[in-house]
């Protein structure tokens, strides 16, 4: 989950940046099996795929112009002259079917994709795109944009005008206005956008708003994926889960709007239809816990302020705090954790932006063996997540892309290759062997981020061979490869199960829509919905949803 200041900056940058053949390796890496606890099974099979593919062009995230969304325009031009930016008469809506806006509901959550044009100093016309969330309410609660209340709202019949006024860090007044134009199809409407600074127009453009209900024509579920149980999580916003010893360990980050701290929630799930709450742990000054994994009697929790927290789960219903690691971990942000055999990896975006490697041959007493770091750009968030496979660590290095690292010898760690892409925020991956080739399924964490399928048999020549997308305003989060099925927690899109037996053509075979606008504590944020997922091999799929909590499904 993206929760650092640098990530917020990177998302804004990615949203606002302007437009600006088969691998011939004769000796693909043989299938050497799968490391324990790494979250996938062995060779994913050789049929029906024969290993042939066409290399796909990598265009990055949102480097293609989506085009003008609406026929409306903002009538003023950028410049130093002050205008009443929020005045509805500034928008030319003559070409709009404004009457269609009367069908818009009074209560809804939308994701806005905004496209704006501007002139460069050299006179060339450029475009950029960014995203906002909007929540409209009729119950007396605040109408919001990206979590902040609108200053004014006009919603009546054919009129829809939304205004938000704020202060920039230098004290200037920042005003943004959205004017509705028309509904384009069920669940979508378009309009115009303007932004003024101290009353002078800075940017204008058009937008398309997607209502965050289920996609047109979809039911709650398909493909036989059925919910077995649902259990609310009281602590903060639940973000990750691990299942061990017939217990589900759910970690949460603080939910600030309701002043609910994060922490650890433990459920006995022997009866999957009736999980039983056993324990809740939340420390006053340390409860931003974003990742969790278990090995033997040890439970490892990723903390944003104290490194990795180690609990003893000899009694699985009653985790007992043992220690934090490394020993000097005060102020150390570890975002996610991963166990591979006798190693524990902790991906740390700060302060050093490195990956910590622990020896956990004694699971309750991790010993720091190495810190893996690479040169990073000024605004990189460093390592975000990782996957271990056949002696290599595949690290999602956010704005730097995907790194493939040889970790066979921790005294001689080697960067074997990198797969960067434009406007990246590489977040999560899963790796398997298909037709004798090493295939990486990689997902970013941005609105519109897509699932990439990469051939990394030769890490020095990684190529894209397939991809899969959902709506352009939603984001992927975590994924797990189980045989030839890829289970994806896709935020607003819920759980998506893909058949990847032919990895060049991922095909959806099942889904479950977990996101509902009416769920308690839903916000207009990008990172809402299905977020954490585990498929431990016990016949069930365990998912955490940011609002609904712990959801258990049958495994297909």
Protein backbone atom coordinates (compact mmCIF):
# COMPACT_ATOMS: atom_id res chain seq x y z
CA UNK A 1 0.00 0.00 0.00
CA UNK A 2 1.51 3.37 -0.99
CA UNK A 3 1.78 5.39 2.16
CA UNK A 4 4.97 7.44 2.08
CA UNK A 5 5.37 11.11 1.16
CA UNK A 6 7.65 10.21 -1.72
CA UNK A 7 5.03 7.83 -3.08
CA UNK A 8 2.41 10.53 -3.02
CA UNK A 9 4.81 12.75 -4.95
CA UNK A 10 5.56 9.96 -7.42
CA UNK A 11 1.87 9.36 -8.08
CA UNK A 12 1.30 13.04 -8.70
CA UNK A 13 4.27 13.11 -11.05
CA UNK A 14 3.13 9.99 -12.90
CA UNK A 15 -0.33 11.47 -13.26
CA UNK A 16 0.91 14.79 -14.58
CA UNK A 17 3.74 13.79 -16.93
CA UNK A 18 3.16 14.99 -20.47
CA UNK A 19 3.13 13.00 -23.75
CA UNK A 20 6.34 13.08 -24.62
CA UNK A 21 11.01 -9.65 -31.06
CA UNK A 22 11.04 -12.97 -29.16
CA UNK A 23 13.99 -13.61 -26.81
CA UNK A 24 16.52 -15.66 -28.73
CA UNK A 25 18.36 -16.99 -25.66
CA UNK A 26 19.22 -20.60 -26.64
CA UNK A 27 19.55 -21.82 -23.04
CA UNK A 28 16.55 -20.83 -20.93
CA UNK A 29 16.86 -21.40 -17.19
CA UNK A 30 15.66 -24.93 -16.39
CA UNK A 31 12.85 -25.43 -13.91
CA UNK A 32 14.54 -25.94 -10.57
CA UNK A 33 11.40 -26.16 -8.50
CA UNK A 34 9.96 -23.62 -6.09
CA UNK A 35 11.34 -22.28 -2.81
CA UNK A 36 9.29 -23.01 0.28
CA UNK A 37 6.90 -20.34 1.52
CA UNK A 38 7.42 -18.18 -1.58
CA UNK A 39 3.76 -18.30 -2.51
CA UNK A 40 3.68 -20.27 -5.77
CA UNK A 41 3.84 -23.85 -6.92
CA UNK A 42 6.41 -25.53 -9.12
CA UNK A 43 6.49 -25.65 -12.93
CA UNK A 44 3.26 -24.06 -14.09
CA UNK A 45 3.05 -26.42 -17.03
CA UNK A 46 4.04 -26.55 -20.70
CA UNK A 47 0.61 -26.88 -22.33
CA UNK A 48 -1.02 -25.28 -24.17
CA UNK A 49 1.81 -22.75 -24.46
CA UNK A 50 4.86 -23.80 -26.45
CA UNK A 51 7.09 -20.94 -25.32
CA UNK A 52 6.76 -18.83 -28.44
CA UNK A 53 5.68 -15.21 -28.23
CA UNK A 54 5.80 -11.83 -29.85
CA UNK A 55 7.60 -9.10 -27.93
CA UNK A 56 5.14 -6.36 -27.03
CA UNK A 57 6.02 -2.70 -27.08
CA UNK A 58 6.41 -1.19 -23.62
CA UNK A 59 4.54 2.09 -23.53
CA UNK A 60 4.59 2.61 -19.79
CA UNK A 61 1.66 3.72 -17.70
CA UNK A 62 -0.35 6.59 -19.17
CA UNK A 63 2.04 7.70 -21.85
CA UNK A 64 -0.68 7.48 -24.51
CA UNK A 65 -3.00 10.43 -24.99
CA UNK A 66 -6.55 9.40 -24.00
CA UNK A 67 -7.94 12.24 -26.11
CA UNK A 68 -10.40 14.98 -25.21
CA UNK A 69 -13.15 13.54 -23.01
CA UNK A 70 -15.88 16.14 -23.50
CA UNK A 71 -17.12 18.79 -25.99
CA UNK A 72 -17.31 21.47 -23.31
CA UNK A 73 -14.60 24.14 -22.90
CA UNK A 74 -13.37 26.68 -20.39
CA UNK A 75 -13.63 30.09 -22.03
CA UNK A 76 -10.75 31.93 -20.35
CA UNK A 77 -7.11 31.53 -21.36
CA UNK A 78 -4.16 31.00 -19.01
CA UNK A 79 -2.50 34.23 -17.97
CA UNK A 80 -2.02 36.77 -15.18
CA UNK A 81 -5.54 38.23 -15.37
CA UNK A 82 -7.64 37.28 -12.35
CA UNK A 83 -11.01 35.64 -13.08
CA UNK A 84 -13.86 34.26 -11.04
CA UNK A 85 -12.58 30.75 -11.67
CA UNK A 86 -15.60 29.02 -10.13
CA UNK A 87 -18.18 31.09 -12.04
CA UNK A 88 -20.32 28.57 -14.04
CA UNK A 89 -20.57 31.08 -16.90
CA UNK A 90 -16.85 30.54 -17.56
CA UNK A 91 -17.68 27.08 -18.96
CA UNK A 92 -19.12 26.72 -22.45
CA UNK A 93 -21.53 23.79 -22.12
CA UNK A 94 -23.58 24.49 -25.26
CA UNK A 95 -22.56 21.22 -26.95
CA UNK A 96 -23.38 19.11 -23.89
CA UNK A 97 -26.43 16.97 -23.22
CA UNK A 98 -26.78 18.50 -19.78
CA UNK A 99 -30.24 17.01 -19.25
CA UNK A 100 -28.60 13.58 -18.97
CA UNK A 101 -26.87 14.72 -15.76
CA UNK A 102 -30.24 14.56 -14.00
CA UNK A 103 -29.78 10.79 -13.84
CA UNK A 104 -26.66 11.05 -11.68
CA UNK A 105 -27.22 9.68 -8.17
CA UNK A 106 -26.98 11.87 -5.08
CA UNK A 107 -24.76 9.31 -3.35
CA UNK A 108 -21.83 7.86 -5.27
CA UNK A 109 -18.07 7.37 -5.37
CA UNK A 110 -16.28 8.28 -8.59
CA UNK A 111 -12.77 8.09 -9.96
CA UNK A 112 -11.94 11.05 -12.23
CA UNK A 113 -9.40 10.91 -15.05
CA UNK A 114 -8.51 14.48 -16.01
CA UNK A 115 -6.77 15.46 -19.23
CA UNK A 116 -5.38 18.97 -19.57
CA UNK A 117 -3.56 20.78 -22.36
CA UNK A 118 -1.00 23.52 -21.99
CA UNK A 119 1.50 25.42 -24.10
CA UNK A 120 5.21 24.92 -23.51
CA UNK A 121 7.64 27.86 -23.48
CA UNK A 122 8.68 26.84 -26.99
CA UNK A 123 5.06 27.22 -28.15
CA UNK A 124 4.33 23.49 -28.52
CA UNK A 125 1.06 22.11 -27.20
CA UNK A 126 1.37 19.38 -24.59
CA UNK A 127 -1.02 17.28 -22.54
CA UNK A 128 -0.97 15.63 -19.14
CA UNK A 129 -3.33 13.42 -17.20
CA UNK A 130 -4.01 12.95 -13.51
CA UNK A 131 -6.61 11.31 -11.28
CA UNK A 132 -8.90 12.30 -8.44
CA UNK A 133 -11.46 10.54 -6.33
CA UNK A 134 -14.83 12.20 -5.66
CA UNK A 135 -17.50 11.17 -3.18
CA UNK A 136 -20.96 12.74 -3.33
CA UNK A 137 -23.28 12.34 -0.36
CA UNK A 138 -26.80 13.30 0.59
CA UNK A 139 -26.73 12.22 4.25
CA UNK A 140 -25.16 15.41 5.55
CA UNK A 141 -21.62 14.09 5.35
CA UNK A 142 -18.99 16.00 3.38
CA UNK A 143 -18.76 15.80 -0.39
CA UNK A 144 -15.05 15.23 -1.00
CA UNK A 145 -12.33 15.28 -3.61
CA UNK A 146 -9.29 13.17 -2.73
CA UNK A 147 -10.57 13.12 0.84
CA UNK A 148 -10.86 16.92 1.18
CA UNK A 149 -14.28 18.62 1.38
CA UNK A 150 -15.49 20.61 -1.58
CA UNK A 151 -15.90 24.31 -0.87
CA UNK A 152 -19.15 24.36 -2.82
CA UNK A 153 -21.40 21.98 -4.75
CA UNK A 154 -24.22 22.71 -7.17
CA UNK A 155 -26.12 19.57 -8.14
CA UNK A 156 -29.58 20.23 -9.44
CA UNK A 157 -31.26 18.90 -12.54
CA UNK A 158 -28.89 19.54 -15.42
CA UNK A 159 -26.32 21.42 -13.33
CA UNK A 160 -23.25 19.93 -11.67
CA UNK A 161 -20.48 22.24 -10.46
CA UNK A 162 -17.94 21.16 -7.85
CA UNK A 163 -15.40 23.62 -6.38
CA UNK A 164 -12.51 23.07 -4.02
CA UNK A 165 -10.45 25.99 -2.71
CA UNK A 166 -7.24 25.53 -0.72
CA UNK A 167 -3.93 27.17 0.08
CA UNK A 168 -0.65 26.27 -1.55
CA UNK A 169 2.46 25.99 0.60
CA UNK A 170 3.53 29.46 -0.48
CA UNK A 171 0.21 30.94 0.68
CA UNK A 172 -1.39 31.42 -2.74
CA UNK A 173 -5.02 30.43 -3.28
CA UNK A 174 -5.57 27.29 -5.33
CA UNK A 175 -9.02 26.77 -6.86
CA UNK A 176 -10.17 23.72 -8.83
CA UNK A 177 -13.57 23.47 -10.52
CA UNK A 178 -15.33 20.57 -12.21
CA UNK A 179 -18.34 21.23 -14.44
CA UNK A 180 -20.51 18.32 -15.59
CA UNK A 181 -21.28 18.04 -19.30
CA UNK A 182 -23.17 14.79 -19.95
CA UNK A 183 -23.40 11.12 -19.15
CA UNK A 184 -21.42 9.10 -21.68
CA UNK A 185 -22.70 5.64 -20.71
CA UNK A 186 -24.13 3.97 -17.60
CA UNK A 187 -21.86 4.75 -14.65
CA UNK A 188 -19.84 7.44 -16.43
CA UNK A 189 -20.09 11.15 -17.11
CA UNK A 190 -17.81 13.72 -18.66
CA UNK A 191 -17.13 17.40 -18.16
CA UNK A 192 -14.63 20.24 -18.00
CA UNK A 193 -11.99 21.15 -15.45
CA UNK A 194 -10.23 24.39 -14.54
CA UNK A 195 -7.55 25.28 -12.03
CA UNK A 196 -6.75 28.85 -10.97
CA UNK A 197 -3.93 30.13 -8.76
CA UNK A 198 -4.66 33.46 -7.05
CA UNK A 199 -7.54 33.90 -9.47
CA UNK A 200 -5.48 33.48 -12.65
CA UNK A 201 -6.18 30.45 -14.82
CA UNK A 202 -3.33 27.95 -14.66
CA UNK A 203 -4.71 24.88 -16.44
CA UNK A 204 -7.97 23.70 -17.98
CA UNK A 205 -9.10 20.48 -19.59
CA UNK A 206 -11.71 17.75 -19.68
CA UNK A 207 -12.45 14.71 -17.54
CA UNK A 208 -14.25 11.40 -17.50
CA UNK A 209 -15.72 10.15 -14.23
CA UNK A 210 -16.20 6.43 -13.58
CA UNK A 211 -18.62 5.46 -10.85
CA UNK A 212 -17.05 2.80 -8.66
CA UNK A 213 -19.93 0.36 -8.87
CA UNK A 214 -19.34 -3.02 -10.47
CA UNK A 215 -18.38 -2.91 -14.11
CA UNK A 216 -21.23 -2.74 -16.59
CA UNK A 217 -22.89 -6.13 -16.91
CA UNK A 218 -20.98 -7.78 -14.06
CA UNK A 219 -22.60 -9.62 -11.19
CA UNK A 220 -21.14 -9.90 -7.71
CA UNK A 221 -19.22 -13.04 -8.64
CA UNK A 222 -18.47 -15.37 -11.52
CA UNK A 223 -16.65 -18.59 -12.29
CA UNK A 224 -17.68 -20.31 -9.09
CA UNK A 225 -15.73 -18.05 -6.75
CA UNK A 226 -18.01 -17.85 -3.73
CA UNK A 227 -17.71 -16.08 -0.40
CA UNK A 228 -17.59 -18.48 2.54
CA UNK A 229 -17.49 -15.88 5.32
CA UNK A 230 -16.95 -12.18 6.03
CA UNK A 231 -15.60 -10.75 9.28
CA UNK A 232 -15.15 -7.05 10.02
CA UNK A 233 -11.73 -5.87 11.27
CA UNK A 234 -12.00 -3.13 13.89
CA UNK A 235 -8.40 -1.97 13.73
CA UNK A 236 -7.60 0.82 11.27
CA UNK A 237 -7.52 -0.13 7.59
CA UNK A 238 -6.67 -3.83 7.06
CA UNK A 239 -4.00 -4.23 4.38
CA UNK A 240 -2.36 -7.67 4.54
CA UNK A 241 -2.92 -11.21 5.81
CA UNK A 242 -1.05 -14.42 6.49
CA UNK A 243 -2.60 -17.77 7.35
CA UNK A 244 -0.80 -20.29 9.57
CA UNK A 245 -1.82 -22.87 12.17
CA UNK A 246 -5.51 -22.46 11.31
CA UNK A 247 -5.27 -18.78 12.22
CA UNK A 248 -5.51 -15.66 10.07
CA UNK A 249 -3.18 -12.82 11.04
CA UNK A 250 -4.42 -9.50 9.65
CA UNK A 251 -2.31 -6.33 9.87
CA UNK A 252 -3.72 -2.82 9.58
CA UNK A 253 -2.51 0.73 9.11
CA UNK A 254 -4.19 3.67 10.88
CA UNK A 255 -7.45 4.98 9.48
CA UNK A 256 -6.96 8.63 10.36
CA UNK A 257 -10.38 10.03 9.49
CA UNK A 258 -11.99 7.92 12.19
CA UNK A 259 -8.89 8.08 14.41
CA UNK A 260 -8.65 4.28 14.45
CA UNK A 261 -5.11 2.98 15.01
CA UNK A 262 -3.64 0.05 13.11
CA UNK A 263 -2.11 -3.12 14.49
CA UNK A 264 -2.59 -6.90 14.40
CA UNK A 265 -5.88 -8.82 14.55
CA UNK A 266 -5.89 -12.59 15.08
CA UNK A 267 -8.74 -14.87 13.98
CA UNK A 268 -9.16 -18.59 14.61
CA UNK A 269 -10.29 -19.92 11.21
CA UNK A 270 -10.60 -23.64 11.90
CA UNK A 271 -14.22 -23.18 10.89
CA UNK A 272 -13.81 -21.05 7.77
CA UNK A 273 -17.49 -20.20 7.80
CA UNK A 274 -17.25 -18.75 11.29
CA UNK A 275 -13.90 -17.07 12.07
CA UNK A 276 -13.47 -16.30 15.76
CA UNK A 277 -11.67 -13.17 16.96
CA UNK A 278 -8.91 -14.20 19.38
CA UNK A 279 -6.67 -11.20 19.95
CA UNK A 280 -6.06 -7.57 18.97
CA UNK A 281 -2.65 -5.89 19.36
CA UNK A 282 -2.07 -2.16 18.81
CA UNK A 283 0.83 -0.18 20.21
CA UNK A 284 0.21 3.54 20.82
CA UNK A 285 3.35 4.76 19.05
CA UNK A 286 3.89 1.89 16.63
CA UNK A 287 0.81 0.57 14.80
CA UNK A 288 1.44 1.26 11.13
CA UNK A 289 1.83 -2.41 10.24
CA UNK A 290 1.70 -3.07 6.51
CA UNK A 291 3.01 -6.62 5.92
CA UNK A 292 2.97 -10.00 7.65
CA UNK A 293 4.47 -13.49 7.19
CA UNK A 294 5.00 -16.57 9.36
CA UNK A 295 7.58 -19.34 9.68
CA UNK A 296 7.32 -22.08 12.28
CA UNK A 297 6.47 -20.47 15.60
CA UNK A 298 7.47 -16.99 14.43
CA UNK A 299 5.25 -14.25 13.04
CA UNK A 300 6.99 -11.34 11.30
CA UNK A 301 5.25 -7.96 11.03
CA UNK A 302 6.52 -5.08 8.89
CA UNK A 303 6.43 -1.78 10.82
CA UNK A 304 6.98 1.68 9.38
CA UNK A 305 8.86 2.81 12.49
CA UNK A 306 10.59 -0.19 14.10
CA UNK A 307 11.73 -2.53 11.34
CA UNK A 308 10.44 -6.09 11.67
CA UNK A 309 8.50 -7.07 14.79
CA UNK A 310 8.86 -10.71 15.84
CA UNK A 311 6.04 -12.49 17.69
CA UNK A 312 6.03 -15.99 19.14
CA UNK A 313 2.93 -17.86 17.93
CA UNK A 314 3.59 -21.14 19.73
CA UNK A 315 0.10 -20.44 20.99
CA UNK A 316 -1.34 -19.26 17.67
CA UNK A 317 -4.28 -17.47 19.29
CA UNK A 318 -2.04 -15.40 21.54
CA UNK A 319 1.00 -13.91 19.79
CA UNK A 320 3.67 -12.88 22.28
CA UNK A 321 6.00 -10.00 21.45
CA UNK A 322 9.67 -11.04 21.38
CA UNK A 323 11.75 -8.33 19.76
CA UNK A 324 12.24 -5.98 16.86
CA UNK A 325 14.98 -6.58 14.29
CA UNK A 326 17.50 -5.43 13.42
CA UNK A 327 18.57 -4.36 16.89
CA UNK A 328 18.99 -0.72 15.85
CA UNK A 329 15.60 -0.57 14.11
CA UNK A 330 14.16 2.59 15.67
CA UNK A 331 12.93 4.78 12.83
CA UNK A 332 13.36 2.01 10.25
CA UNK A 333 10.47 1.70 7.80
CA UNK A 334 9.94 -1.88 6.60
CA UNK A 335 7.00 -1.95 4.22
CA UNK A 336 6.65 -5.66 3.40
CA UNK A 337 8.17 -8.98 4.44
CA UNK A 338 8.77 -12.27 2.62
CA UNK A 339 10.07 -15.64 3.82
CA UNK A 340 11.96 -17.95 1.46
CA UNK A 341 13.36 -21.04 3.15
CA UNK A 342 15.68 -19.88 5.93
CA UNK A 343 15.69 -16.28 4.77
CA UNK A 344 13.49 -13.39 5.73
CA UNK A 345 13.47 -10.40 3.41
CA UNK A 346 12.29 -7.00 4.59
CA UNK A 347 11.71 -4.35 1.94
CA UNK A 348 12.56 -0.97 3.44
CA UNK A 349 11.67 2.27 1.61
CA UNK A 350 13.42 4.34 4.22
CA UNK A 351 15.66 5.74 5.37
CA UNK A 352 18.26 3.84 3.28
CA UNK A 353 15.91 2.41 0.60
CA UNK A 354 17.31 -1.10 0.87
CA UNK A 355 16.22 -4.72 1.26
CA UNK A 356 17.19 -6.37 4.53
CA UNK A 357 18.09 -10.08 4.54
CA UNK A 358 17.84 -12.11 7.75
CA UNK A 359 18.87 -15.65 8.54
CA UNK A 360 15.82 -17.29 10.13
CA UNK A 361 17.14 -20.84 10.50
CA UNK A 362 16.06 -20.16 14.08
CA UNK A 363 12.72 -18.52 13.20
CA UNK A 364 12.34 -16.77 16.55
CA UNK A 365 15.80 -15.20 16.43
CA UNK A 366 16.40 -13.54 13.03
CA UNK A 367 19.99 -12.51 12.34
CA UNK A 368 20.67 -9.68 9.89
CA UNK A 369 22.96 -10.98 7.14
CA UNK A 370 22.90 -8.36 4.43
CA UNK A 371 21.41 -5.11 3.15
CA UNK A 372 20.79 -4.96 -0.59
CA UNK A 373 20.80 -1.49 -2.09
CA UNK A 374 21.05 -0.02 -5.58
CA UNK A 375 21.49 3.53 -6.87
CA UNK A 376 18.08 5.17 -6.97
CA UNK A 377 16.65 8.36 -8.36
CA UNK A 378 15.88 11.29 -6.10
CA UNK A 379 12.19 10.48 -5.91
CA UNK A 380 12.38 6.68 -5.77
CA UNK A 381 10.58 4.98 -2.91
CA UNK A 382 13.10 2.17 -3.00
CA UNK A 383 11.98 -1.47 -2.60
CA UNK A 384 8.26 -1.96 -2.12
CA UNK A 385 7.76 -5.73 -2.36
CA UNK A 386 9.58 -8.80 -3.65
CA UNK A 387 9.31 -12.44 -4.66
CA UNK A 388 11.96 -15.16 -4.28
CA UNK A 389 12.36 -17.85 -6.94
CA UNK A 390 15.17 -20.24 -7.83
CA UNK A 391 17.94 -18.33 -6.06
CA UNK A 392 16.84 -14.97 -7.36
CA UNK A 393 14.99 -12.12 -5.73
CA UNK A 394 12.58 -10.16 -7.89
CA UNK A 395 12.28 -6.75 -6.23
CA UNK A 396 9.61 -4.23 -7.15
CA UNK A 397 11.66 -1.06 -6.90
CA UNK A 398 8.81 1.41 -7.41
CA UNK A 399 9.85 4.21 -9.81
CA UNK A 400 13.01 2.29 -10.76
CA UNK A 401 11.04 -0.68 -12.11
CA UNK A 402 11.58 -4.39 -11.43
CA UNK A 403 15.04 -5.58 -10.33
CA UNK A 404 16.22 -9.19 -10.73
CA UNK A 405 18.90 -9.99 -8.18
CA UNK A 406 21.12 -13.05 -7.71
CA UNK A 407 21.01 -13.74 -3.96
CA UNK A 408 22.61 -17.19 -4.06
CA UNK A 409 25.67 -15.79 -2.31
CA UNK A 410 24.80 -12.99 0.11
CA UNK A 411 28.43 -11.93 0.19
CA UNK A 412 28.34 -11.34 -3.54
CA UNK A 413 24.86 -10.11 -4.45
CA UNK A 414 24.51 -9.27 -8.15
CA UNK A 415 21.95 -7.17 -10.00
CA UNK A 416 21.22 -9.30 -13.06
CA UNK A 417 18.76 -7.03 -14.81
CA UNK A 418 16.09 -4.36 -14.51
CA UNK A 419 12.79 -3.81 -16.26
CA UNK A 420 11.93 -0.10 -16.07
CA UNK A 421 8.94 1.54 -17.71
CA UNK A 422 7.62 5.07 -18.06
CA UNK A 423 5.56 6.50 -15.18
CA UNK A 424 6.24 3.33 -13.20
CA UNK A 425 5.41 2.48 -9.63
CA UNK A 426 6.38 -1.19 -9.67
CA UNK A 427 4.64 -2.75 -6.71
CA UNK A 428 4.22 -6.56 -6.67
CA UNK A 429 5.09 -9.67 -8.66
CA UNK A 430 4.78 -13.43 -8.91
CA UNK A 431 7.17 -15.75 -10.76
CA UNK A 432 6.83 -19.21 -12.29
CA UNK A 433 8.25 -21.50 -14.95
CA UNK A 434 6.22 -21.97 -18.12
CA UNK A 435 7.47 -24.02 -21.07
CA UNK A 436 10.94 -23.89 -19.55
CA UNK A 437 10.98 -20.11 -19.37
CA UNK A 438 11.00 -17.86 -16.31
CA UNK A 439 7.87 -15.74 -16.43
CA UNK A 440 7.25 -12.76 -14.16
CA UNK A 441 3.79 -11.34 -13.58
CA UNK A 442 4.33 -7.72 -12.53
CA UNK A 443 1.87 -5.09 -11.39
CA UNK A 444 2.24 -1.40 -10.70
CA UNK A 445 0.32 0.61 -8.14
CA UNK A 446 -1.19 3.58 -9.90
CA UNK A 447 -4.62 4.33 -11.34
CA UNK A 448 -4.71 2.37 -14.58
CA UNK A 449 -1.68 0.24 -13.68
CA UNK A 450 -1.70 -2.93 -15.74
CA UNK A 451 -0.61 -6.49 -15.19
CA UNK A 452 2.55 -7.09 -17.22
CA UNK A 453 3.76 -10.53 -18.27
CA UNK A 454 7.55 -10.56 -18.63
CA UNK A 455 9.97 -13.17 -19.91
CA UNK A 456 12.92 -12.89 -17.51
CA UNK A 457 14.69 -16.09 -18.55
CA UNK A 458 17.63 -13.87 -19.39
CA UNK A 459 17.41 -11.10 -16.76
CA UNK A 460 19.67 -8.90 -18.88
CA UNK A 461 17.09 -8.98 -21.69
CA UNK A 462 13.67 -8.88 -20.03
CA UNK A 463 10.83 -8.40 -22.50
CA UNK A 464 7.08 -7.97 -22.22
CA UNK A 465 5.07 -10.78 -23.77
CA UNK A 466 1.56 -10.17 -22.41
CA UNK A 467 -0.59 -7.83 -20.37
CA UNK A 468 -4.04 -7.53 -18.79
CA UNK A 469 -5.95 -4.47 -17.64
CA UNK A 470 -9.13 -3.39 -15.89
CA UNK A 471 -10.71 0.08 -15.83
CA UNK A 472 -8.27 2.94 -16.50
CA UNK A 473 -8.92 4.56 -13.12
CA UNK A 474 -8.26 1.60 -10.80
CA UNK A 475 -5.08 0.01 -9.44
CA UNK A 476 -3.71 -3.49 -8.87
CA UNK A 477 -2.34 -4.46 -5.47
CA UNK A 478 -1.14 -7.99 -4.59
CA UNK A 479 -1.05 -11.20 -6.63
CA UNK A 480 -0.28 -14.89 -6.14
CA UNK A 481 0.53 -17.55 -8.72
CA UNK A 482 -0.91 -20.97 -7.92
CA UNK A 483 -0.25 -23.45 -10.71
CA UNK A 484 -1.66 -21.80 -13.82
CA UNK A 485 -4.02 -19.51 -11.92
CA UNK A 486 -3.07 -15.98 -10.96
CA UNK A 487 -5.09 -14.59 -8.04
CA UNK A 488 -5.09 -10.78 -7.99
CA UNK A 489 -6.35 -8.36 -5.34
CA UNK A 490 -7.31 -5.49 -7.64
CA UNK A 491 -8.60 -2.82 -5.21
CA UNK A 492 -11.94 -1.49 -6.60
CA UNK A 493 -12.13 -4.40 -9.03
CA UNK A 494 -12.17 -6.92 -6.17
CA UNK A 495 -10.61 -10.36 -6.65
CA UNK A 496 -9.72 -11.36 -10.21
CA UNK A 497 -8.64 -14.93 -11.07
CA UNK A 498 -6.75 -15.32 -14.34
CA UNK A 499 -5.88 -18.45 -16.29
CA UNK A 500 -2.25 -17.92 -17.29
CA UNK A 501 -1.53 -21.36 -18.76
CA UNK A 502 -0.69 -19.35 -21.86
CA UNK A 503 1.02 -16.41 -20.18
CA UNK A 504 0.91 -14.34 -23.35
CA UNK A 505 -2.88 -14.27 -23.08
CA UNK A 506 -4.06 -13.97 -19.45
CA UNK A 507 -7.76 -14.85 -19.41
CA UNK A 508 -10.13 -14.04 -16.58
CA UNK A 509 -11.97 -17.13 -15.35
CA UNK A 510 -13.53 -15.82 -12.14
CA UNK A 511 -14.07 -12.69 -10.09
CA UNK A 512 -15.64 -11.43 -6.90
CA UNK A 513 -16.55 -7.76 -6.56
CA UNK A 514 -15.69 -6.83 -2.98
CA UNK A 515 -16.05 -3.04 -3.36
CA UNK A 516 -19.40 -1.49 -2.49
CA UNK A 517 -19.98 2.25 -2.17
CA UNK A 518 -22.15 1.73 0.91
CA UNK A 519 -19.58 -0.20 2.95
CA UNK A 520 -18.64 1.45 6.26
CA UNK A 521 -15.75 3.92 6.07
CA UNK A 522 -15.45 3.82 2.28
CA UNK A 523 -13.56 6.82 0.92
CA UNK A 524 -12.89 8.29 -2.52
CA UNK A 525 -9.27 7.10 -2.37
CA UNK A 526 -7.38 5.21 -5.07
CA UNK A 527 -6.42 2.40 -2.71
CA UNK A 528 -9.86 1.10 -1.69
CA UNK A 529 -11.16 -2.46 -2.00
CA UNK A 530 -9.41 -5.83 -2.17
CA UNK A 531 -5.83 -5.28 -1.04
CA UNK A 532 -4.30 -8.41 0.54
CA UNK A 533 -4.62 -12.02 -0.65
CA UNK A 534 -3.33 -15.47 0.37
CA UNK A 535 -3.89 -18.93 -1.11
CA UNK A 536 -2.21 -21.23 1.42
CA UNK A 537 -3.32 -24.51 -0.18
CA UNK A 538 -5.99 -25.46 2.35
CA UNK A 539 -8.82 -25.15 -0.17
CA UNK A 540 -9.60 -21.49 0.54
CA UNK A 541 -8.68 -18.01 -0.65
CA UNK A 542 -8.18 -15.38 2.07
CA UNK A 543 -8.65 -11.72 1.18
CA UNK A 544 -8.62 -8.50 3.15
CA UNK A 545 -10.72 -5.61 1.91
CA UNK A 546 -9.97 -2.13 3.22
CA UNK A 547 -13.53 -1.72 4.48
CA UNK A 548 -15.14 -5.16 4.75
CA UNK A 549 -12.24 -6.85 6.55
CA UNK A 550 -11.49 -10.57 6.26
CA UNK A 551 -13.22 -12.37 3.39
CA UNK A 552 -12.78 -16.12 2.85
CA UNK A 553 -13.60 -17.75 -0.49
CA UNK A 554 -13.49 -21.25 -1.87
CA UNK A 555 -10.38 -22.02 -3.89
CA UNK A 556 -11.06 -22.82 -7.55
